[in-house]
N, C-alpha and C. Protein backbone atom coordinates (compact mmCIF):
# COMPACT_ATOMS: atom_id res chain seq x y z
N MET A 1 -33.60 -58.09 152.96
CA MET A 1 -33.09 -57.58 154.16
C MET A 1 -31.63 -58.99 155.27
N ASN A 2 -31.66 -58.70 155.71
CA ASN A 2 -31.36 -59.56 156.28
C ASN A 2 -31.31 -60.34 158.12
N ALA A 3 -30.39 -60.90 158.43
CA ALA A 3 -30.96 -60.86 160.01
C ALA A 3 -30.49 -60.03 161.07
N PHE A 4 -29.79 -59.06 160.51
CA PHE A 4 -30.00 -57.84 161.19
C PHE A 4 -31.34 -56.88 160.67
N GLY A 5 -32.03 -56.83 160.09
CA GLY A 5 -33.18 -56.42 159.29
C GLY A 5 -32.32 -54.89 158.71
N ARG A 6 -31.28 -55.72 158.16
CA ARG A 6 -30.57 -54.03 156.88
C ARG A 6 -30.35 -53.97 156.17
N GLY A 7 -30.20 -53.64 154.93
CA GLY A 7 -29.37 -54.38 153.43
C GLY A 7 -28.83 -54.45 153.56
N PRO A 8 -27.65 -54.69 152.47
CA PRO A 8 -26.30 -55.48 152.74
C PRO A 8 -25.27 -54.07 153.30
N VAL A 9 -25.16 -53.16 152.82
CA VAL A 9 -24.41 -52.21 153.65
C VAL A 9 -24.20 -51.97 154.84
N GLY A 10 -25.38 -52.05 155.46
CA GLY A 10 -26.36 -51.46 157.20
C GLY A 10 -25.51 -52.85 157.47
N ALA A 11 -25.25 -53.87 156.68
CA ALA A 11 -24.44 -55.45 157.76
C ALA A 11 -23.56 -55.09 157.55
N THR A 12 -22.98 -54.55 156.25
CA THR A 12 -21.41 -53.98 156.40
C THR A 12 -20.95 -53.00 157.48
N LEU A 13 -21.78 -52.65 157.82
CA LEU A 13 -21.29 -51.23 158.13
C LEU A 13 -20.37 -51.80 160.01
N LEU A 14 -21.63 -52.37 159.96
CA LEU A 14 -22.42 -53.28 161.94
C LEU A 14 -21.41 -53.50 161.87
N ALA A 15 -21.02 -55.00 161.08
CA ALA A 15 -19.60 -55.81 161.09
C ALA A 15 -18.29 -55.74 161.24
N LEU A 16 -17.77 -54.56 160.71
CA LEU A 16 -16.75 -53.41 160.29
C LEU A 16 -16.60 -52.86 162.01
N CYS A 17 -18.46 -52.28 162.80
CA CYS A 17 -17.73 -51.52 163.59
C CYS A 17 -17.56 -53.10 165.44
N ALA A 18 -17.91 -53.75 164.62
CA ALA A 18 -17.73 -54.92 165.38
C ALA A 18 -16.72 -55.49 165.86
N CYS A 19 -15.56 -54.84 165.42
CA CYS A 19 -14.33 -55.33 165.23
C CYS A 19 -13.91 -54.73 166.27
N GLY A 20 -14.14 -53.42 166.79
CA GLY A 20 -13.38 -53.18 167.76
C GLY A 20 -14.13 -52.96 169.79
N THR A 21 -15.00 -53.78 170.14
CA THR A 21 -15.65 -54.27 170.67
C THR A 21 -15.17 -55.78 171.27
N PRO A 22 -15.39 -56.08 172.41
CA PRO A 22 -14.61 -56.86 173.06
C PRO A 22 -15.08 -57.99 172.94
N GLY A 23 -14.53 -59.25 173.09
CA GLY A 23 -14.91 -60.45 172.05
C GLY A 23 -14.53 -60.43 170.66
N ALA A 24 -15.24 -59.76 169.76
CA ALA A 24 -15.48 -59.95 168.48
C ALA A 24 -14.18 -60.06 167.35
N SER A 25 -14.37 -60.71 166.45
CA SER A 25 -13.56 -61.18 165.43
C SER A 25 -12.54 -59.89 165.26
N TYR A 26 -11.33 -59.90 164.41
CA TYR A 26 -10.83 -58.70 163.33
C TYR A 26 -11.15 -59.41 162.06
N LEU A 27 -11.60 -58.33 161.51
CA LEU A 27 -11.73 -59.52 160.51
C LEU A 27 -10.35 -58.15 158.94
N SER A 28 -10.23 -59.37 158.37
CA SER A 28 -8.90 -58.54 157.64
C SER A 28 -9.75 -58.75 156.25
N PRO A 29 -8.32 -57.72 155.76
CA PRO A 29 -8.98 -57.25 153.86
C PRO A 29 -8.78 -58.65 153.44
N VAL A 30 -10.12 -58.47 152.83
CA VAL A 30 -9.52 -59.90 151.26
C VAL A 30 -8.92 -59.44 150.22
N ARG A 31 -7.64 -60.19 149.63
CA ARG A 31 -6.72 -59.70 148.76
C ARG A 31 -6.98 -60.90 147.98
N SER A 32 -7.06 -60.50 146.30
CA SER A 32 -7.53 -62.18 145.64
C SER A 32 -6.32 -62.22 145.24
N THR A 33 -6.22 -64.10 145.38
CA THR A 33 -4.68 -64.28 145.04
C THR A 33 -5.12 -64.39 143.84
N ALA A 34 -5.74 -65.00 142.67
CA ALA A 34 -5.68 -64.77 141.30
C ALA A 34 -5.57 -64.45 139.96
N SER A 35 -6.07 -63.37 140.61
CA SER A 35 -5.26 -62.40 139.23
C SER A 35 -5.26 -60.88 139.68
N ALA A 36 -4.44 -60.24 138.57
CA ALA A 36 -4.30 -58.76 139.74
C ALA A 36 -4.21 -57.61 138.03
N VAL A 37 -3.85 -56.06 138.59
CA VAL A 37 -4.19 -55.08 136.93
C VAL A 37 -2.54 -54.61 136.67
N VAL A 38 -2.64 -54.38 135.39
CA VAL A 38 -1.31 -54.55 135.16
C VAL A 38 -1.60 -52.96 134.16
N VAL A 39 -0.74 -52.17 134.45
CA VAL A 39 -0.97 -50.64 134.32
C VAL A 39 -0.02 -49.96 133.80
N GLY A 40 0.39 -49.13 132.27
CA GLY A 40 1.55 -48.64 132.32
C GLY A 40 1.16 -47.50 130.87
N THR A 41 2.55 -46.93 130.17
CA THR A 41 1.68 -46.58 129.39
C THR A 41 3.33 -47.09 127.98
N VAL A 42 2.35 -46.45 127.04
CA VAL A 42 2.99 -46.99 125.84
C VAL A 42 4.20 -45.84 124.93
N LEU A 43 4.96 -45.73 124.69
CA LEU A 43 5.64 -44.74 123.56
C LEU A 43 5.89 -44.91 122.69
N ASP A 44 6.72 -43.57 121.99
CA ASP A 44 7.60 -43.41 120.78
C ASP A 44 9.14 -44.42 121.03
N SER A 45 9.74 -44.46 120.35
CA SER A 45 11.07 -44.68 120.87
C SER A 45 12.05 -43.58 121.01
N THR A 46 11.36 -42.68 120.95
CA THR A 46 12.33 -41.29 121.66
C THR A 46 11.60 -41.08 123.92
N GLY A 47 10.71 -42.07 123.91
CA GLY A 47 9.48 -41.68 124.57
C GLY A 47 9.33 -40.69 124.65
N THR A 48 9.20 -39.51 124.35
CA THR A 48 8.06 -38.37 124.16
C THR A 48 7.22 -38.20 123.79
N HIS A 49 6.70 -39.13 122.70
CA HIS A 49 5.20 -38.97 122.59
C HIS A 49 4.68 -40.30 122.46
N PRO A 50 3.19 -39.75 123.13
CA PRO A 50 2.72 -41.10 123.54
C PRO A 50 1.61 -42.00 122.10
N LEU A 51 2.31 -43.60 122.13
CA LEU A 51 1.56 -44.22 120.90
C LEU A 51 -0.03 -44.65 120.95
N TYR A 52 -0.97 -43.82 120.21
CA TYR A 52 -1.53 -44.37 119.65
C TYR A 52 -2.57 -44.33 118.76
N PRO A 53 -3.52 -45.57 118.09
CA PRO A 53 -3.96 -46.13 119.56
C PRO A 53 -2.55 -47.12 119.38
N SER A 54 -2.62 -47.81 121.27
CA SER A 54 -1.99 -49.18 120.98
C SER A 54 -2.26 -50.76 121.30
N ARG A 55 -1.51 -51.32 121.71
CA ARG A 55 -2.52 -52.25 121.53
C ARG A 55 -1.90 -53.73 123.01
N VAL A 56 -2.27 -54.05 123.80
CA VAL A 56 -1.47 -54.25 124.75
C VAL A 56 -1.93 -55.47 125.42
N GLU A 57 -1.43 -56.79 125.07
CA GLU A 57 -2.36 -58.11 125.70
C GLU A 57 -1.30 -58.90 126.11
N LEU A 58 -2.14 -60.04 126.57
CA LEU A 58 -1.20 -60.92 127.15
C LEU A 58 -0.39 -61.95 126.47
N ALA A 59 0.52 -62.20 126.21
CA ALA A 59 1.01 -63.22 125.31
C ALA A 59 -0.46 -64.86 124.89
N SER A 60 -1.33 -64.84 125.48
CA SER A 60 -1.74 -66.29 125.90
C SER A 60 -2.83 -66.03 124.74
N GLY A 61 -2.80 -64.22 124.83
CA GLY A 61 -4.25 -63.93 123.89
C GLY A 61 -5.89 -63.71 124.33
N SER A 62 -5.62 -64.53 125.74
CA SER A 62 -6.46 -64.30 126.66
C SER A 62 -7.65 -62.59 127.16
N THR A 63 -6.39 -61.75 127.12
CA THR A 63 -7.19 -60.48 127.52
C THR A 63 -5.93 -59.43 126.44
N PHE A 64 -6.92 -58.46 125.84
CA PHE A 64 -6.40 -57.47 125.86
C PHE A 64 -7.10 -56.36 126.02
N VAL A 65 -6.12 -54.61 126.03
CA VAL A 65 -6.76 -53.60 125.39
C VAL A 65 -5.97 -52.65 124.85
N LEU A 66 -6.94 -51.90 124.82
CA LEU A 66 -6.24 -50.23 124.03
C LEU A 66 -5.92 -49.74 124.75
N GLY A 67 -5.03 -49.07 124.69
CA GLY A 67 -4.10 -47.76 124.72
C GLY A 67 -5.21 -46.60 124.73
N ASP A 68 -5.23 -45.25 126.26
CA ASP A 68 -6.12 -44.13 125.47
C ASP A 68 -4.89 -43.09 124.78
N SER A 69 -5.22 -41.64 124.57
CA SER A 69 -4.45 -41.58 123.61
C SER A 69 -3.35 -40.05 124.66
N LEU A 70 -2.79 -40.91 125.95
CA LEU A 70 -1.55 -40.48 126.23
C LEU A 70 -0.98 -41.15 126.36
N GLY A 71 -1.47 -42.39 125.32
CA GLY A 71 -0.62 -43.87 125.71
C GLY A 71 -0.99 -44.65 126.84
N ARG A 72 -1.73 -44.52 127.62
CA ARG A 72 -2.15 -44.92 129.15
C ARG A 72 -2.79 -46.17 129.03
N PHE A 73 -2.37 -46.89 129.89
CA PHE A 73 -3.30 -48.82 129.79
C PHE A 73 -3.76 -49.32 130.94
N THR A 74 -4.99 -50.00 131.16
CA THR A 74 -5.16 -50.66 132.21
C THR A 74 -5.29 -51.92 131.64
N LEU A 75 -5.03 -53.53 132.08
CA LEU A 75 -5.12 -54.04 132.03
C LEU A 75 -5.36 -55.03 133.22
N PRO A 76 -6.74 -55.73 133.26
CA PRO A 76 -7.73 -56.90 134.10
C PRO A 76 -7.13 -58.08 133.62
N ALA A 77 -7.59 -58.51 135.78
CA ALA A 77 -7.45 -59.77 135.04
C ALA A 77 -6.33 -60.35 134.65
N VAL A 78 -5.13 -59.74 134.99
CA VAL A 78 -3.84 -60.64 134.43
C VAL A 78 -3.67 -61.38 135.55
N PRO A 79 -3.50 -63.12 135.85
CA PRO A 79 -3.16 -64.71 136.04
C PRO A 79 -1.23 -63.85 136.96
N ARG A 80 -0.96 -63.84 137.86
CA ARG A 80 -0.79 -63.94 138.78
C ARG A 80 1.13 -65.13 138.48
N GLY A 81 2.09 -64.28 138.31
CA GLY A 81 2.53 -65.78 138.15
C GLY A 81 3.72 -64.74 137.09
N ASN A 82 4.48 -65.57 136.28
CA ASN A 82 5.44 -65.30 135.05
C ASN A 82 4.31 -65.07 134.04
N GLN A 83 4.25 -63.02 133.15
CA GLN A 83 3.72 -63.75 132.11
C GLN A 83 4.37 -62.67 131.67
N THR A 84 4.16 -62.80 129.50
CA THR A 84 4.31 -62.24 128.60
C THR A 84 3.64 -61.60 128.33
N LEU A 85 4.43 -59.74 127.68
CA LEU A 85 2.81 -58.76 127.37
C LEU A 85 3.43 -58.85 126.62
N ARG A 86 2.46 -59.46 124.62
CA ARG A 86 3.17 -57.91 123.61
C ARG A 86 2.53 -56.48 123.32
N VAL A 87 2.92 -56.04 122.71
CA VAL A 87 2.79 -54.19 122.81
C VAL A 87 2.90 -53.92 121.30
N ARG A 88 1.83 -53.62 120.67
CA ARG A 88 1.80 -53.00 119.41
C ARG A 88 0.65 -51.96 119.44
N GLY A 89 1.85 -51.53 118.23
CA GLY A 89 0.88 -50.00 117.56
C GLY A 89 0.86 -50.17 115.95
N ILE A 90 0.53 -49.26 115.22
CA ILE A 90 0.32 -49.39 114.26
C ILE A 90 1.80 -48.67 113.59
N GLY A 91 2.52 -49.39 112.73
CA GLY A 91 3.75 -49.12 112.24
C GLY A 91 4.63 -49.20 113.17
N PHE A 92 4.63 -49.66 113.81
CA PHE A 92 5.79 -49.89 115.00
C PHE A 92 6.00 -51.38 115.04
N ILE A 93 7.34 -52.13 115.50
CA ILE A 93 7.79 -52.90 115.35
C ILE A 93 7.37 -53.43 116.86
N GLU A 94 6.45 -54.62 117.04
CA GLU A 94 5.78 -55.20 118.13
C GLU A 94 6.78 -55.92 119.02
N GLN A 95 6.57 -55.31 120.30
CA GLN A 95 7.61 -55.51 121.32
C GLN A 95 7.27 -56.96 122.56
N ARG A 96 7.66 -57.27 123.27
CA ARG A 96 7.41 -58.49 123.92
C ARG A 96 7.94 -58.13 125.10
N ILE A 97 7.36 -58.49 125.78
CA ILE A 97 7.90 -58.00 127.31
C ILE A 97 7.86 -59.19 128.43
N SER A 98 8.81 -59.10 129.24
CA SER A 98 7.58 -60.61 130.57
C SER A 98 8.23 -59.93 131.88
N ILE A 99 6.84 -59.97 132.54
CA ILE A 99 6.81 -59.69 133.80
C ILE A 99 6.07 -60.46 134.44
N VAL A 100 6.68 -60.03 135.68
CA VAL A 100 6.52 -60.75 136.45
C VAL A 100 5.21 -59.81 138.22
N VAL A 101 3.93 -61.15 137.79
CA VAL A 101 3.01 -60.59 138.29
C VAL A 101 2.13 -60.75 139.99
N ASP A 102 3.27 -60.24 141.01
CA ASP A 102 3.51 -60.29 142.38
C ASP A 102 2.09 -59.87 143.44
N ARG A 103 1.83 -58.66 142.87
CA ARG A 103 1.35 -57.62 143.24
C ARG A 103 -0.09 -57.63 142.91
N ASP A 104 -1.40 -56.72 143.61
CA ASP A 104 -2.61 -56.01 142.93
C ASP A 104 -2.61 -55.92 141.58
N THR A 105 -1.45 -54.75 142.07
CA THR A 105 -1.38 -53.60 140.76
C THR A 105 -0.55 -53.66 140.54
N VAL A 106 0.22 -54.13 139.14
CA VAL A 106 1.71 -53.93 138.28
C VAL A 106 2.01 -52.45 137.60
N ARG A 107 2.70 -52.47 137.84
CA ARG A 107 2.93 -50.55 137.38
C ARG A 107 4.62 -50.74 136.73
N LEU A 108 4.76 -50.33 135.42
CA LEU A 108 5.83 -51.11 134.60
C LEU A 108 5.92 -49.62 134.18
N PRO A 109 7.18 -49.62 133.79
CA PRO A 109 8.27 -48.73 133.33
C PRO A 109 7.73 -48.47 131.79
N ALA A 110 8.02 -47.23 131.25
CA ALA A 110 7.10 -46.42 130.08
C ALA A 110 7.29 -47.60 129.05
N ILE A 111 6.56 -48.30 127.76
CA ILE A 111 6.95 -49.42 127.29
C ILE A 111 7.65 -47.93 125.57
N ARG A 112 8.80 -48.47 125.18
CA ARG A 112 9.17 -47.57 124.24
C ARG A 112 8.87 -48.90 123.10
N LEU A 113 8.06 -48.50 121.71
CA LEU A 113 7.93 -48.81 120.58
C LEU A 113 8.56 -48.22 119.32
N TRP A 114 9.34 -48.81 118.60
CA TRP A 114 9.84 -48.86 117.28
C TRP A 114 9.45 -48.58 116.00
N ARG A 115 9.75 -46.86 115.35
CA ARG A 115 9.09 -47.54 114.18
C ARG A 115 9.47 -48.61 113.08
N ASN A 116 8.37 -49.08 112.58
CA ASN A 116 8.78 -50.33 111.10
C ASN A 116 8.30 -49.58 110.24
N HIS A 117 9.64 -49.46 109.53
CA HIS A 117 9.92 -48.26 107.92
C HIS A 117 9.33 -49.60 107.23
N THR A 118 9.13 -51.17 106.97
CA THR A 118 8.75 -51.28 106.01
C THR A 118 6.88 -52.04 106.57
N LEU A 119 5.97 -51.97 106.06
CA LEU A 119 4.94 -52.69 106.32
C LEU A 119 5.16 -53.63 105.77
N ASP A 120 3.89 -54.72 105.62
CA ASP A 120 3.66 -55.86 105.12
C ASP A 120 2.52 -55.27 104.12
N SER A 121 1.76 -54.43 104.44
CA SER A 121 0.98 -53.78 103.41
C SER A 121 -0.17 -52.89 104.06
N VAL A 122 -1.06 -51.98 103.17
CA VAL A 122 -1.69 -51.11 104.10
C VAL A 122 -2.69 -51.55 102.62
N ARG A 123 -4.06 -51.22 103.42
CA ARG A 123 -5.32 -51.16 102.73
C ARG A 123 -6.31 -50.83 102.97
N VAL A 124 -6.26 -49.09 102.35
CA VAL A 124 -7.94 -48.73 102.04
C VAL A 124 -8.47 -48.70 101.50
N ILE A 125 -9.79 -48.72 101.94
CA ILE A 125 -11.13 -49.30 102.18
C ILE A 125 -11.88 -47.57 101.92
N ALA A 126 -12.25 -47.33 100.93
CA ALA A 126 -13.73 -45.74 101.43
C ALA A 126 -14.79 -45.82 100.16
N PRO A 127 -15.60 -44.81 100.79
CA PRO A 127 -17.05 -45.68 100.15
C PRO A 127 -16.79 -45.10 98.92
């Protein structure tokens, strides 16, 4: 309970409703300035097939995500400013992409990876 005798939702609604009354302060939305979300899609070199699985990470290695079966990814908690992404897929050449994170959600154009025709090694483990 809070000072208004209501739970947190009731207090929020009361505060929002007070904005339209004379003498009430205007409440502006709070924007996060520390980090943002980067979203995109990873495709093969032709741009017609999603790359699955793919891994998208900050070059610093602090955050990574795996793309879904349609090649889509959402990378949360990306610090604002200039960043470098590493995009990888099994059997594909890694791409490093420079981006500018200057808003809450950064939508990237499709990222294309090219096949690596020579793998360093393949290890198969079977029971």
